[in-house]
N, C-alpha and C. Protein backbone atom coordinates (compact mmCIF):
# COMPACT_ATOMS: atom_id res chain seq x y z
N MET A 1 0.83 -1.20 0.00
CA MET A 1 0.00 0.00 0.00
C MET A 1 0.87 1.26 0.00
N LYS A 2 1.95 1.23 0.82
CA LYS A 2 2.84 2.39 0.91
C LYS A 2 3.47 2.69 -0.44
N GLY A 3 3.91 1.65 -1.15
CA GLY A 3 4.52 1.81 -2.47
C GLY A 3 3.51 2.35 -3.48
N LEU A 4 2.26 1.90 -3.38
CA LEU A 4 1.21 2.37 -4.28
C LEU A 4 0.93 3.85 -4.07
N CYS A 5 0.90 4.30 -2.80
CA CYS A 5 0.67 5.72 -2.50
C CYS A 5 1.80 6.58 -3.05
N ARG A 6 3.04 6.09 -2.89
CA ARG A 6 4.20 6.83 -3.41
C ARG A 6 4.12 6.93 -4.93
N LEU A 7 3.71 5.84 -5.60
CA LEU A 7 3.57 5.83 -7.05
C LEU A 7 2.50 6.83 -7.48
N CYS A 8 1.36 6.85 -6.77
CA CYS A 8 0.27 7.78 -7.10
C CYS A 8 0.73 9.22 -6.95
N LEU A 9 1.45 9.51 -5.87
CA LEU A 9 1.95 10.87 -5.65
C LEU A 9 2.92 11.27 -6.75
N THR A 10 3.82 10.36 -7.12
CA THR A 10 4.78 10.64 -8.18
C THR A 10 4.08 10.91 -9.50
N LEU A 11 3.08 10.11 -9.82
CA LEU A 11 2.33 10.30 -11.07
C LEU A 11 1.57 11.63 -11.06
N CYS A 12 0.95 11.97 -9.93
CA CYS A 12 0.20 13.23 -9.83
C CYS A 12 1.12 14.43 -10.01
N VAL A 13 2.27 14.38 -9.36
CA VAL A 13 3.23 15.48 -9.48
C VAL A 13 3.74 15.58 -10.91
N SER A 14 4.04 14.44 -11.54
CA SER A 14 4.53 14.45 -12.92
C SER A 14 3.50 15.04 -13.87
N VAL A 15 2.25 14.64 -13.72
CA VAL A 15 1.18 15.17 -14.57
C VAL A 15 1.01 16.66 -14.34
N MET A 16 1.04 17.08 -13.08
CA MET A 16 0.87 18.50 -12.77
C MET A 16 1.98 19.32 -13.41
N PHE A 17 3.24 18.88 -13.24
CA PHE A 17 4.37 19.63 -13.77
C PHE A 17 4.41 19.58 -15.30
N SER A 18 4.08 18.44 -15.91
CA SER A 18 4.13 18.35 -17.37
C SER A 18 3.05 19.19 -18.02
N SER A 19 1.94 19.42 -17.33
CA SER A 19 0.86 20.23 -17.90
C SER A 19 1.11 21.72 -17.75
N MET A 20 2.22 22.09 -17.13
CA MET A 20 2.53 23.50 -16.89
C MET A 20 3.44 24.11 -17.94
N ALA A 21 3.63 23.43 -19.06
CA ALA A 21 4.53 23.94 -20.08
C ALA A 21 4.15 25.36 -20.47
N GLY A 22 5.11 26.27 -20.40
CA GLY A 22 4.89 27.65 -20.77
C GLY A 22 4.19 28.48 -19.71
N ALA A 23 3.89 27.88 -18.56
CA ALA A 23 3.16 28.59 -17.51
C ALA A 23 4.11 29.28 -16.56
N GLN A 24 3.55 30.06 -15.64
CA GLN A 24 4.32 30.71 -14.60
C GLN A 24 4.86 29.65 -13.65
N GLN A 25 5.60 30.12 -12.63
CA GLN A 25 6.16 29.20 -11.65
C GLN A 25 5.08 28.30 -11.09
N SER A 26 5.42 27.04 -10.91
CA SER A 26 4.48 26.07 -10.39
C SER A 26 5.09 25.45 -9.13
N CYS A 27 4.32 25.45 -8.04
CA CYS A 27 4.79 24.90 -6.77
C CYS A 27 3.79 23.89 -6.24
N LEU A 28 4.29 22.93 -5.50
CA LEU A 28 3.42 21.99 -4.82
C LEU A 28 2.64 22.75 -3.76
N PRO A 29 1.54 22.21 -3.28
CA PRO A 29 0.73 22.90 -2.28
C PRO A 29 1.54 23.27 -1.03
N GLU A 30 0.98 24.19 -0.28
CA GLU A 30 1.63 24.67 0.94
C GLU A 30 1.95 23.54 1.92
N ALA A 31 1.29 22.41 1.78
CA ALA A 31 1.55 21.29 2.68
C ALA A 31 2.96 20.73 2.48
N ALA A 32 3.53 20.95 1.30
CA ALA A 32 4.90 20.51 1.04
C ALA A 32 5.86 21.49 1.69
N LEU A 33 6.86 20.96 2.34
CA LEU A 33 7.83 21.78 3.07
C LEU A 33 8.69 22.58 2.10
N SER A 34 8.78 23.87 2.31
CA SER A 34 9.60 24.74 1.49
C SER A 34 11.07 24.57 1.88
N THR A 35 11.95 24.47 0.89
CA THR A 35 13.38 24.34 1.17
C THR A 35 14.08 25.69 1.18
N ALA A 36 13.43 26.72 0.67
CA ALA A 36 14.00 28.08 0.66
C ALA A 36 12.90 29.10 0.94
N PRO A 37 12.32 29.05 2.15
CA PRO A 37 11.21 29.96 2.46
C PRO A 37 11.67 31.42 2.56
N ILE A 38 10.75 32.34 2.33
CA ILE A 38 11.07 33.76 2.36
C ILE A 38 11.58 34.20 3.73
N THR A 39 11.16 33.51 4.79
CA THR A 39 11.61 33.87 6.14
C THR A 39 13.09 33.60 6.36
N ARG A 40 13.71 32.88 5.46
CA ARG A 40 15.14 32.58 5.55
C ARG A 40 16.01 33.73 5.06
N PHE A 41 15.40 34.71 4.37
CA PHE A 41 16.16 35.79 3.73
C PHE A 41 15.82 37.14 4.34
N VAL A 42 16.85 37.95 4.58
CA VAL A 42 16.69 39.29 5.13
C VAL A 42 17.35 40.28 4.17
N SER A 43 16.63 41.35 3.85
CA SER A 43 17.16 42.34 2.92
C SER A 43 18.39 43.02 3.50
N GLU A 44 19.41 43.15 2.67
CA GLU A 44 20.63 43.87 3.03
C GLU A 44 20.62 45.25 2.37
N GLY A 45 19.53 45.58 1.67
CA GLY A 45 19.47 46.82 0.91
C GLY A 45 20.31 46.69 -0.35
N THR A 46 20.21 47.66 -1.21
CA THR A 46 20.98 47.73 -2.47
C THR A 46 20.99 46.42 -3.26
N GLY A 47 19.84 45.76 -3.33
CA GLY A 47 19.73 44.58 -4.20
C GLY A 47 20.40 43.33 -3.69
N ALA A 48 20.48 43.16 -2.38
CA ALA A 48 21.11 41.98 -1.79
C ALA A 48 20.28 41.46 -0.63
N VAL A 49 20.37 40.16 -0.38
CA VAL A 49 19.71 39.54 0.76
C VAL A 49 20.69 38.63 1.48
N LYS A 50 20.50 38.53 2.79
CA LYS A 50 21.31 37.61 3.59
C LYS A 50 20.50 36.35 3.83
N ASP A 51 21.11 35.22 3.57
CA ASP A 51 20.50 33.92 3.83
C ASP A 51 20.85 33.53 5.26
N LEU A 52 19.85 33.52 6.13
CA LEU A 52 20.08 33.23 7.54
C LEU A 52 20.51 31.79 7.79
N ALA A 53 20.23 30.89 6.88
CA ALA A 53 20.62 29.49 7.03
C ALA A 53 22.10 29.27 6.73
N THR A 54 22.65 30.06 5.82
CA THR A 54 24.04 29.86 5.40
C THR A 54 24.96 31.03 5.74
N ASN A 55 24.38 32.16 6.13
CA ASN A 55 25.11 33.41 6.38
C ASN A 55 25.78 33.97 5.13
N LEU A 56 25.30 33.57 3.97
CA LEU A 56 25.79 34.13 2.72
C LEU A 56 24.91 35.30 2.31
N VAL A 57 25.51 36.27 1.64
CA VAL A 57 24.76 37.42 1.11
C VAL A 57 24.72 37.26 -0.41
N TRP A 58 23.51 37.27 -0.96
CA TRP A 58 23.28 37.06 -2.39
C TRP A 58 22.78 38.33 -3.05
N ARG A 59 23.19 38.57 -4.28
CA ARG A 59 22.54 39.59 -5.09
C ARG A 59 21.19 39.02 -5.50
N VAL A 60 20.15 39.84 -5.53
CA VAL A 60 18.82 39.31 -5.83
C VAL A 60 18.55 39.23 -7.34
N CYS A 61 19.30 39.93 -8.13
CA CYS A 61 19.15 39.88 -9.59
C CYS A 61 20.32 39.15 -10.21
N LEU A 62 20.07 38.54 -11.34
CA LEU A 62 21.16 38.01 -12.14
C LEU A 62 21.98 39.18 -12.66
N GLU A 63 23.25 38.98 -12.90
CA GLU A 63 24.08 40.05 -13.43
C GLU A 63 23.53 40.49 -14.79
N GLY A 64 23.48 41.79 -14.99
CA GLY A 64 22.91 42.36 -16.20
C GLY A 64 21.50 42.88 -15.99
N GLN A 65 20.83 42.42 -14.94
CA GLN A 65 19.48 42.88 -14.63
C GLN A 65 19.57 44.00 -13.60
N VAL A 66 18.57 44.88 -13.61
CA VAL A 66 18.60 46.04 -12.72
C VAL A 66 17.23 46.29 -12.09
N GLY A 67 17.25 47.07 -10.99
CA GLY A 67 16.02 47.53 -10.36
C GLY A 67 15.40 46.50 -9.43
N GLU A 68 14.32 46.93 -8.78
CA GLU A 68 13.62 46.07 -7.82
C GLU A 68 12.97 44.86 -8.48
N THR A 69 12.62 44.98 -9.76
CA THR A 69 11.98 43.87 -10.46
C THR A 69 12.97 43.08 -11.30
N CYS A 70 14.25 43.43 -11.22
CA CYS A 70 15.30 42.74 -11.98
C CYS A 70 14.98 42.74 -13.48
N SER A 71 14.70 43.91 -14.00
CA SER A 71 14.35 44.01 -15.42
C SER A 71 15.61 43.98 -16.28
N GLY A 72 15.40 43.69 -17.53
CA GLY A 72 16.51 43.61 -18.48
C GLY A 72 16.97 42.17 -18.68
N ASP A 73 17.87 42.03 -19.62
CA ASP A 73 18.39 40.70 -19.95
C ASP A 73 19.56 40.33 -19.05
N ALA A 74 19.58 39.09 -18.63
CA ALA A 74 20.69 38.59 -17.82
C ALA A 74 21.93 38.47 -18.70
N LEU A 75 23.06 38.83 -18.14
CA LEU A 75 24.35 38.69 -18.80
C LEU A 75 24.63 37.21 -19.02
N GLN A 76 25.14 36.87 -20.17
CA GLN A 76 25.49 35.49 -20.50
C GLN A 76 26.98 35.41 -20.79
N LEU A 77 27.71 34.67 -19.96
CA LEU A 77 29.16 34.56 -20.12
C LEU A 77 29.59 33.10 -20.09
N ASN A 78 30.75 32.83 -20.71
CA ASN A 78 31.31 31.49 -20.56
C ASN A 78 31.96 31.39 -19.18
N TRP A 79 32.43 30.21 -18.81
CA TRP A 79 32.90 29.99 -17.44
C TRP A 79 34.12 30.84 -17.09
N ALA A 80 35.08 30.95 -18.00
CA ALA A 80 36.27 31.77 -17.73
C ALA A 80 35.89 33.23 -17.52
N GLN A 81 35.00 33.75 -18.36
CA GLN A 81 34.52 35.13 -18.20
C GLN A 81 33.75 35.29 -16.89
N ALA A 82 32.96 34.28 -16.54
CA ALA A 82 32.18 34.33 -15.30
C ALA A 82 33.09 34.38 -14.07
N LEU A 83 34.18 33.66 -14.09
CA LEU A 83 35.12 33.68 -12.98
C LEU A 83 35.79 35.04 -12.83
N MET A 84 36.04 35.70 -13.93
CA MET A 84 36.73 37.00 -13.92
C MET A 84 35.78 38.17 -13.65
N TYR A 85 34.52 38.02 -13.95
CA TYR A 85 33.55 39.11 -13.85
C TYR A 85 33.52 39.79 -12.48
N PRO A 86 33.48 39.06 -11.37
CA PRO A 86 33.41 39.73 -10.06
C PRO A 86 34.60 40.63 -9.76
N HIS A 87 35.75 40.35 -10.34
CA HIS A 87 36.94 41.18 -10.08
C HIS A 87 36.71 42.62 -10.52
N GLN A 88 35.94 42.82 -11.58
CA GLN A 88 35.63 44.17 -12.04
C GLN A 88 34.75 44.90 -11.03
N LEU A 89 33.81 44.19 -10.43
CA LEU A 89 32.90 44.79 -9.45
C LEU A 89 33.59 45.10 -8.13
N ASN A 90 34.63 44.36 -7.83
CA ASN A 90 35.25 44.43 -6.51
C ASN A 90 36.37 45.45 -6.38
N ARG A 91 36.69 46.15 -7.44
CA ARG A 91 37.77 47.13 -7.37
C ARG A 91 37.50 48.15 -6.27
N GLY A 92 38.44 48.28 -5.33
CA GLY A 92 38.33 49.27 -4.27
C GLY A 92 37.46 48.86 -3.10
N LYS A 93 36.93 47.64 -3.11
CA LYS A 93 36.08 47.19 -2.00
C LYS A 93 36.90 46.38 -1.00
N LYS A 94 36.49 46.45 0.25
CA LYS A 94 37.12 45.64 1.29
C LYS A 94 36.81 44.17 1.04
N ALA A 95 37.67 43.30 1.55
CA ALA A 95 37.56 41.86 1.30
C ALA A 95 36.18 41.30 1.64
N ARG A 96 35.59 41.69 2.76
CA ARG A 96 34.30 41.11 3.15
C ARG A 96 33.13 41.67 2.34
N GLN A 97 33.38 42.70 1.54
CA GLN A 97 32.34 43.27 0.68
C GLN A 97 32.47 42.81 -0.77
N GLN A 98 33.38 41.90 -1.04
CA GLN A 98 33.64 41.49 -2.41
C GLN A 98 32.71 40.37 -2.87
N TRP A 99 32.20 40.55 -4.07
CA TRP A 99 31.33 39.55 -4.68
C TRP A 99 32.16 38.48 -5.35
N ARG A 100 31.59 37.30 -5.48
CA ARG A 100 32.27 36.19 -6.14
C ARG A 100 31.24 35.24 -6.74
N LEU A 101 31.71 34.34 -7.57
CA LEU A 101 30.87 33.29 -8.11
C LEU A 101 30.72 32.21 -7.02
N PRO A 102 29.51 31.75 -6.72
CA PRO A 102 29.34 30.74 -5.68
C PRO A 102 29.85 29.37 -6.14
N ASN A 103 30.19 28.52 -5.18
CA ASN A 103 30.52 27.15 -5.55
C ASN A 103 29.21 26.36 -5.69
N ILE A 104 29.30 25.13 -6.12
CA ILE A 104 28.09 24.34 -6.41
C ILE A 104 27.25 24.11 -5.15
N ARG A 105 27.89 23.88 -4.02
CA ARG A 105 27.13 23.66 -2.78
C ARG A 105 26.36 24.90 -2.37
N GLU A 106 27.01 26.06 -2.49
CA GLU A 106 26.36 27.31 -2.10
C GLU A 106 25.17 27.63 -2.99
N LEU A 107 25.35 27.55 -4.31
CA LEU A 107 24.26 27.88 -5.22
C LEU A 107 23.10 26.90 -5.08
N ASN A 108 23.41 25.66 -4.82
CA ASN A 108 22.37 24.64 -4.66
C ASN A 108 21.48 24.89 -3.45
N THR A 109 21.95 25.67 -2.47
CA THR A 109 21.11 25.97 -1.29
C THR A 109 19.93 26.86 -1.64
N LEU A 110 19.98 27.52 -2.80
CA LEU A 110 18.89 28.41 -3.21
C LEU A 110 17.75 27.68 -3.93
N VAL A 111 17.99 26.44 -4.31
CA VAL A 111 16.97 25.68 -5.06
C VAL A 111 15.77 25.43 -4.15
N GLU A 112 14.60 25.83 -4.64
CA GLU A 112 13.33 25.57 -3.96
C GLU A 112 12.79 24.27 -4.56
N LEU A 113 12.91 23.19 -3.82
CA LEU A 113 12.61 21.86 -4.33
C LEU A 113 11.13 21.60 -4.59
N ARG A 114 10.25 22.44 -4.05
CA ARG A 114 8.82 22.20 -4.29
C ARG A 114 8.30 23.01 -5.48
N CYS A 115 9.18 23.73 -6.16
CA CYS A 115 8.76 24.56 -7.30
C CYS A 115 9.59 24.25 -8.55
N ILE A 116 9.00 24.55 -9.69
CA ILE A 116 9.72 24.51 -10.97
C ILE A 116 9.37 25.75 -11.77
N ARG A 117 10.19 26.03 -12.75
CA ARG A 117 10.00 27.14 -13.69
C ARG A 117 9.73 28.47 -13.02
N PRO A 118 10.53 29.00 -12.19
CA PRO A 118 11.83 28.50 -11.75
C PRO A 118 11.76 27.79 -10.40
N ALA A 119 12.81 27.05 -10.11
CA ALA A 119 12.94 26.32 -8.85
C ALA A 119 13.74 27.16 -7.87
N ILE A 120 13.21 28.35 -7.57
CA ILE A 120 13.86 29.29 -6.65
C ILE A 120 12.75 30.15 -6.04
N ASN A 121 13.01 30.75 -4.92
CA ASN A 121 12.01 31.61 -4.27
C ASN A 121 11.85 32.89 -5.10
N ARG A 122 10.74 33.00 -5.81
CA ARG A 122 10.50 34.14 -6.71
C ARG A 122 10.24 35.44 -5.96
N GLU A 123 9.86 35.38 -4.71
CA GLU A 123 9.65 36.60 -3.94
C GLU A 123 10.98 37.26 -3.60
N VAL A 124 12.03 36.48 -3.52
CA VAL A 124 13.36 36.98 -3.19
C VAL A 124 14.17 37.24 -4.45
N PHE A 125 14.25 36.25 -5.33
CA PHE A 125 15.07 36.31 -6.54
C PHE A 125 14.16 36.47 -7.76
N LYS A 126 13.80 37.71 -8.04
CA LYS A 126 12.80 38.01 -9.07
C LYS A 126 13.28 37.80 -10.50
N GLY A 127 14.57 37.89 -10.73
CA GLY A 127 15.09 37.82 -12.09
C GLY A 127 15.42 36.42 -12.58
N VAL A 128 15.47 35.46 -11.68
CA VAL A 128 15.83 34.10 -12.08
C VAL A 128 14.58 33.41 -12.62
N ILE A 129 14.58 33.10 -13.89
CA ILE A 129 13.41 32.44 -14.51
C ILE A 129 13.79 31.00 -14.84
N ASP A 130 14.20 30.77 -16.04
CA ASP A 130 14.61 29.43 -16.48
C ASP A 130 16.11 29.41 -16.73
N ASN A 131 16.84 30.17 -15.94
CA ASN A 131 18.26 30.35 -16.19
C ASN A 131 19.13 29.20 -15.70
N GLN A 132 20.17 28.97 -16.47
CA GLN A 132 21.26 28.11 -16.04
C GLN A 132 22.33 29.05 -15.50
N VAL A 133 22.79 28.82 -14.27
CA VAL A 133 23.67 29.75 -13.58
C VAL A 133 24.99 29.06 -13.23
N TRP A 134 26.09 29.65 -13.69
CA TRP A 134 27.42 29.09 -13.43
C TRP A 134 27.76 29.09 -11.95
N THR A 135 28.57 28.11 -11.55
CA THR A 135 29.22 28.10 -10.24
C THR A 135 30.73 28.20 -10.49
N SER A 136 31.49 28.36 -9.42
CA SER A 136 32.95 28.39 -9.55
C SER A 136 33.55 26.99 -9.52
N SER A 137 32.72 25.98 -9.40
CA SER A 137 33.21 24.60 -9.24
C SER A 137 33.50 23.92 -10.57
N PRO A 138 34.76 23.52 -10.77
CA PRO A 138 35.07 22.76 -11.98
C PRO A 138 34.54 21.33 -11.85
N TYR A 139 34.27 20.70 -12.96
CA TYR A 139 33.87 19.30 -12.95
C TYR A 139 35.14 18.47 -12.98
N GLN A 140 35.27 17.52 -12.07
CA GLN A 140 36.56 16.85 -11.88
C GLN A 140 36.92 15.81 -12.94
N PHE A 141 35.96 15.24 -13.64
CA PHE A 141 36.28 14.16 -14.57
C PHE A 141 36.59 14.65 -15.99
N TYR A 142 36.06 15.79 -16.36
CA TYR A 142 36.35 16.37 -17.67
C TYR A 142 36.84 17.79 -17.42
N THR A 143 38.07 18.04 -17.74
CA THR A 143 38.67 19.33 -17.39
C THR A 143 38.10 20.50 -18.18
N HIS A 144 37.35 20.25 -19.20
CA HIS A 144 36.73 21.34 -19.97
C HIS A 144 35.25 21.52 -19.61
N TYR A 145 34.85 20.99 -18.45
CA TYR A 145 33.48 21.13 -17.96
C TYR A 145 33.47 21.81 -16.59
N ALA A 146 32.36 22.45 -16.24
CA ALA A 146 32.18 23.05 -14.91
C ALA A 146 30.72 22.89 -14.50
N TRP A 147 30.45 23.02 -13.19
CA TRP A 147 29.11 22.85 -12.64
C TRP A 147 28.27 24.11 -12.79
N TYR A 148 26.98 23.91 -12.96
CA TYR A 148 25.98 24.99 -12.95
C TYR A 148 24.71 24.47 -12.33
N VAL A 149 23.81 25.39 -11.95
CA VAL A 149 22.48 25.01 -11.47
C VAL A 149 21.47 25.48 -12.50
N ASP A 150 20.61 24.58 -12.89
CA ASP A 150 19.54 24.88 -13.84
C ASP A 150 18.29 25.19 -13.02
N PHE A 151 17.94 26.46 -12.93
CA PHE A 151 16.80 26.86 -12.10
C PHE A 151 15.45 26.63 -12.78
N ARG A 152 15.46 26.10 -13.99
CA ARG A 152 14.18 25.75 -14.62
C ARG A 152 13.51 24.64 -13.82
N LEU A 153 14.26 23.57 -13.55
CA LEU A 153 13.72 22.45 -12.80
C LEU A 153 14.44 22.22 -11.48
N GLY A 154 15.54 22.93 -11.24
CA GLY A 154 16.21 22.85 -9.95
C GLY A 154 17.32 21.84 -9.83
N GLY A 155 17.90 21.44 -10.92
CA GLY A 155 18.96 20.44 -10.86
C GLY A 155 20.35 21.01 -11.07
N ALA A 156 21.33 20.40 -10.42
CA ALA A 156 22.73 20.73 -10.65
C ALA A 156 23.23 19.84 -11.78
N ASN A 157 24.06 20.42 -12.64
CA ASN A 157 24.57 19.68 -13.78
C ASN A 157 25.92 20.27 -14.16
N TYR A 158 26.56 19.70 -15.15
CA TYR A 158 27.82 20.23 -15.65
C TYR A 158 27.73 20.38 -17.15
N ASP A 159 28.53 21.30 -17.67
CA ASP A 159 28.50 21.60 -19.10
C ASP A 159 29.88 22.08 -19.52
N GLU A 160 30.07 22.17 -20.81
CA GLU A 160 31.33 22.67 -21.34
C GLU A 160 31.55 24.12 -20.91
N ARG A 161 32.76 24.45 -20.54
CA ARG A 161 33.08 25.78 -20.03
C ARG A 161 32.95 26.88 -21.08
N VAL A 162 32.91 26.52 -22.35
CA VAL A 162 32.78 27.53 -23.41
C VAL A 162 31.34 27.98 -23.62
N LYS A 163 30.38 27.29 -23.02
CA LYS A 163 28.97 27.66 -23.15
C LYS A 163 28.67 28.88 -22.30
N ASN A 164 27.70 29.68 -22.71
CA ASN A 164 27.29 30.87 -21.97
C ASN A 164 26.16 30.54 -21.01
N LYS A 165 26.27 31.09 -19.79
CA LYS A 165 25.25 30.92 -18.77
C LYS A 165 25.17 32.20 -17.95
N SER A 166 24.15 32.30 -17.11
CA SER A 166 23.93 33.48 -16.27
C SER A 166 24.82 33.44 -15.02
N LEU A 167 24.84 34.57 -14.28
CA LEU A 167 25.63 34.68 -13.06
C LEU A 167 24.75 35.21 -11.94
N LEU A 168 24.86 34.61 -10.76
CA LEU A 168 24.24 35.10 -9.53
C LEU A 168 25.36 35.15 -8.51
N LEU A 169 25.72 36.35 -8.08
CA LEU A 169 26.89 36.52 -7.23
C LEU A 169 26.57 36.45 -5.75
N VAL A 170 27.59 36.10 -4.97
CA VAL A 170 27.47 35.89 -3.53
C VAL A 170 28.69 36.51 -2.84
N ARG A 171 28.56 36.77 -1.55
CA ARG A 171 29.72 37.14 -0.74
C ARG A 171 29.57 36.52 0.64
N GLY A 172 30.71 36.37 1.31
CA GLY A 172 30.73 35.74 2.62
C GLY A 172 31.00 34.26 2.50
N GLY A 173 31.10 33.60 3.64
CA GLY A 173 31.30 32.15 3.67
C GLY A 173 32.66 31.73 3.14
N GLY A 174 32.84 30.42 3.01
CA GLY A 174 34.08 29.86 2.45
C GLY A 174 34.08 29.94 0.95
N ARG A 175 35.23 29.86 0.38
CA ARG A 175 35.33 29.92 -1.07
C ARG A 175 35.48 28.55 -1.57
């Protein structure tokens, strides 16, 4: 009986998500536990939020987007360009105020597992839609690959470093 209930739940969720093609963000009912609730984030002002669970400070818009609604197109860079991009922003800033590309573990903490399209808290991160976002983590088995998080469905994956992806910058924590 337990296996049958799990199968029914899996089928219901699959049907619900597959019927949402082209729709706005889709989340499981409130009964499902949120992995990135809005109460976890505190505004730092100037387009940044602090994650109380990790003590990391995140920019709320993808790079290239501006304003409270994160309007405009997200910047698309290859992995080498993505690694160098924060250095331009950090000129003249103190070490603890410097932005950087998150590693795979850090970026994965933002994934809202009960939502898709995007799989992130839309009240906090307004500009992240179906973006693939680079991390600073290289993929260990193929030296020309690196890790990214696909916020369309919420999965971590790896891709060739020459491909263009979005950037979501962080500060604080370990590198």
